[in-house]
C-alpha atoms as a PDB file:
ATOM      1  CA  UNK A   1      -0.141  -0.101   0.178  1.00  0.00           C
ATOM      2  CA  UNK A   2       1.280   3.358  -1.059  1.00  0.00           C
ATOM      3  CA  UNK A   3       1.714   6.256   1.490  1.00  0.00           C
ATOM      4  CA  UNK A   4       1.835   9.883   0.796  1.00  0.00           C
ATOM      5  CA  UNK A   5       3.718  12.272   3.043  1.00  0.00           C
ATOM      6  CA  UNK A   6       4.725  15.947   3.203  1.00  0.00           C
ATOM      7  CA  UNK A   7       8.545  16.055   3.015  1.00  0.00           C
ATOM      8  CA  UNK A   8      11.853  18.204   2.954  1.00  0.00           C
ATOM      9  CA  UNK A   9      14.359  17.607   0.462  1.00  0.00           C
ATOM     10  CA  UNK A  10      17.592  16.908   2.429  1.00  0.00           C
ATOM     11  CA  UNK A  11      19.730  16.205  -0.291  1.00  0.00           C
ATOM     12  CA  UNK A  12      20.079  15.811  -4.316  1.00  0.00           C
ATOM     13  CA  UNK A  13      22.612  14.338  -6.449  1.00  0.00           C
ATOM     14  CA  UNK A  14      22.300  14.849 -10.350  1.00  0.00           C
ATOM     15  CA  UNK A  15      25.456  13.187 -12.460  1.00  0.00           C
ATOM     16  CA  UNK A  16      26.892  10.399 -14.782  1.00  0.00           C
ATOM     17  CA  UNK A  17      27.194   7.027 -13.374  1.00  0.00           C
ATOM     18  CA  UNK A  18      30.284   4.751 -14.256  1.00  0.00           C
ATOM     19  CA  UNK A  19      28.665   3.541 -17.718  1.00  0.00           C
ATOM     20  CA  UNK A  20      28.111   7.522 -18.429  1.00  0.00           C
ATOM     21  CA  UNK A  21      24.430   7.161 -18.214  1.00  0.00           C
ATOM     22  CA  UNK A  22      22.780  10.322 -16.695  1.00  0.00           C
ATOM     23  CA  UNK A  23      21.094   9.434 -13.050  1.00  0.00           C
ATOM     24  CA  UNK A  24      19.794  11.093 -10.047  1.00  0.00           C
ATOM     25  CA  UNK A  25      18.265  10.520  -6.779  1.00  0.00           C
ATOM     26  CA  UNK A  26      16.819  12.686  -4.082  1.00  0.00           C
ATOM     27  CA  UNK A  27      16.788  12.128  -0.403  1.00  0.00           C
ATOM     28  CA  UNK A  28      13.766  13.319   2.265  1.00  0.00           C
ATOM     29  CA  UNK A  29      13.099  14.058   5.474  1.00  0.00           C
ATOM     30  CA  UNK A  30       9.470  13.778   7.291  1.00  0.00           C
ATOM     31  CA  UNK A  31       8.318  13.513  10.714  1.00  0.00           C
ATOM     32  CA  UNK A  32       6.567  10.448  11.667  1.00  0.00           C
ATOM     33  CA  UNK A  33       5.301   9.976  15.220  1.00  0.00           C
ATOM     34  CA  UNK A  34       7.361  12.946  16.834  1.00  0.00           C
ATOM     35  CA  UNK A  35      10.133  11.202  15.258  1.00  0.00           C
ATOM     36  CA  UNK A  36      12.187  12.383  11.979  1.00  0.00           C
ATOM     37  CA  UNK A  37      12.508   9.653   9.230  1.00  0.00           C
ATOM     38  CA  UNK A  38      14.935  10.073   6.052  1.00  0.00           C
ATOM     39  CA  UNK A  39      13.900   8.152   2.734  1.00  0.00           C
ATOM     40  CA  UNK A  40      15.130   8.296  -1.144  1.00  0.00           C
ATOM     41  CA  UNK A  41      14.597   7.608  -4.293  1.00  0.00           C
ATOM     42  CA  UNK A  42      16.428   4.704  -6.240  1.00  0.00           C
ATOM     43  CA  UNK A  43      19.130   5.764  -8.276  1.00  0.00           C
ATOM     44  CA  UNK A  44      16.979   6.813 -11.747  1.00  0.00           C
ATOM     45  CA  UNK A  45      18.832   6.866 -14.824  1.00  0.00           C
ATOM     46  CA  UNK A  46      17.149   9.078 -17.489  1.00  0.00           C
ATOM     47  CA  UNK A  47      18.058   9.368 -20.905  1.00  0.00           C
ATOM     48  CA  UNK A  48      16.333  12.555 -21.920  1.00  0.00           C
ATOM     49  CA  UNK A  49      16.410  16.377 -20.381  1.00  0.00           C
ATOM     50  CA  UNK A  50      12.522  16.019 -20.085  1.00  0.00           C
ATOM     51  CA  UNK A  51      12.581  14.179 -17.142  1.00  0.00           C
ATOM     52  CA  UNK A  52      14.513  16.757 -15.470  1.00  0.00           C
ATOM     53  CA  UNK A  53      12.478  19.497 -16.464  1.00  0.00           C
ATOM     54  CA  UNK A  54       9.057  17.542 -15.079  1.00  0.00           C
ATOM     55  CA  UNK A  55      10.971  17.404 -11.692  1.00  0.00           C
ATOM     56  CA  UNK A  56      11.660  20.909 -11.319  1.00  0.00           C
ATOM     57  CA  UNK A  57       8.081  22.383 -13.195  1.00  0.00           C
ATOM     58  CA  UNK A  58       6.426  20.059 -10.456  1.00  0.00           C
ATOM     59  CA  UNK A  59       8.223  21.364  -7.382  1.00  0.00           C
ATOM     60  CA  UNK A  60       8.498  25.084  -8.898  1.00  0.00           C
ATOM     61  CA  UNK A  61      12.152  25.467  -8.915  1.00  0.00           C
ATOM     62  CA  UNK A  62      14.131  27.038 -11.831  1.00  0.00           C
ATOM     63  CA  UNK A  63      17.599  24.575 -11.105  1.00  0.00           C
ATOM     64  CA  UNK A  64      18.532  21.345  -9.527  1.00  0.00           C
ATOM     65  CA  UNK A  65      20.613  23.401  -7.041  1.00  0.00           C
ATOM     66  CA  UNK A  66      17.072  25.004  -5.592  1.00  0.00           C
ATOM     67  CA  UNK A  67      15.856  21.369  -4.414  1.00  0.00           C
ATOM     68  CA  UNK A  68      17.296  20.812  -0.919  1.00  0.00           C
ATOM     69  CA  UNK A  69      15.339  22.349   1.456  1.00  0.00           C
ATOM     70  CA  UNK A  70      12.403  22.671  -0.880  1.00  0.00           C
ATOM     71  CA  UNK A  71       8.872  20.557   0.654  1.00  0.00           C
ATOM     72  CA  UNK A  72       7.075  18.448  -1.465  1.00  0.00           C
ATOM     73  CA  UNK A  73       4.566  15.564  -1.256  1.00  0.00           C
ATOM     74  CA  UNK A  74       6.251  11.895  -1.523  1.00  0.00           C
ATOM     75  CA  UNK A  75       4.564   8.939  -2.495  1.00  0.00           C
ATOM     76  CA  UNK A  76       6.332   5.935  -0.347  1.00  0.00           C
ATOM     77  CA  UNK A  77       5.846   2.108  -1.380  1.00  0.00           C
ATOM     78  CA  UNK A  78       8.092  -0.759   0.036  1.00  0.00           C
ATOM     79  CA  UNK A  79      10.640   1.601   2.071  1.00  0.00           C
ATOM     80  CA  UNK A  80      11.210   4.114  -1.055  1.00  0.00           C
ATOM     81  CA  UNK A  81       9.520   7.061  -2.817  1.00  0.00           C
ATOM     82  CA  UNK A  82       8.136   6.067  -6.334  1.00  0.00           C
ATOM     83  CA  UNK A  83       6.646   9.537  -6.912  1.00  0.00           C
ATOM     84  CA  UNK A  84       7.385  13.186  -5.994  1.00  0.00           C
ATOM     85  CA  UNK A  85       4.464  15.977  -5.941  1.00  0.00           C
ATOM     86  CA  UNK A  86       4.002  19.534  -5.884  1.00  0.00           C
ATOM     87  CA  UNK A  87       2.998  20.501  -2.196  1.00  0.00           C
ATOM     88  CA  UNK A  88       0.227  22.503  -3.046  1.00  0.00           C
ATOM     89  CA  UNK A  89      -1.052  21.137  -6.417  1.00  0.00           C
ATOM     90  CA  UNK A  90      -1.871  17.835  -7.619  1.00  0.00           C
ATOM     91  CA  UNK A  91       1.255  17.477  -9.701  1.00  0.00           C
ATOM     92  CA  UNK A  92       3.500  14.438  -9.538  1.00  0.00           C
ATOM     93  CA  UNK A  93       6.303  13.080 -11.102  1.00  0.00           C
ATOM     94  CA  UNK A  94       6.954   8.994 -11.036  1.00  0.00           C
ATOM     95  CA  UNK A  95      10.472   8.298 -10.029  1.00  0.00           C
ATOM     96  CA  UNK A  96      10.352   4.403 -10.130  1.00  0.00           C
END
């Protein structure tokens, strides 16, 4: 069962893996039962910048560097973030 949480982006990575394929991942922090939890996406590879544009647009930032400390909604399944959404609107990007 998927869970949706409000979270703050704690860290972000956008780079190239050892096979020269672009990849990214995001780490989030959210509060549950008076305790702070940290969770992340899997390492996601992509071949098209449209995916990056979709994340930036959904979270309403102009650059990847603005992501840390930005608030978002996250959809969690099996202990991993599978979608990232706007905190105010019903806009989501799947990251599985």
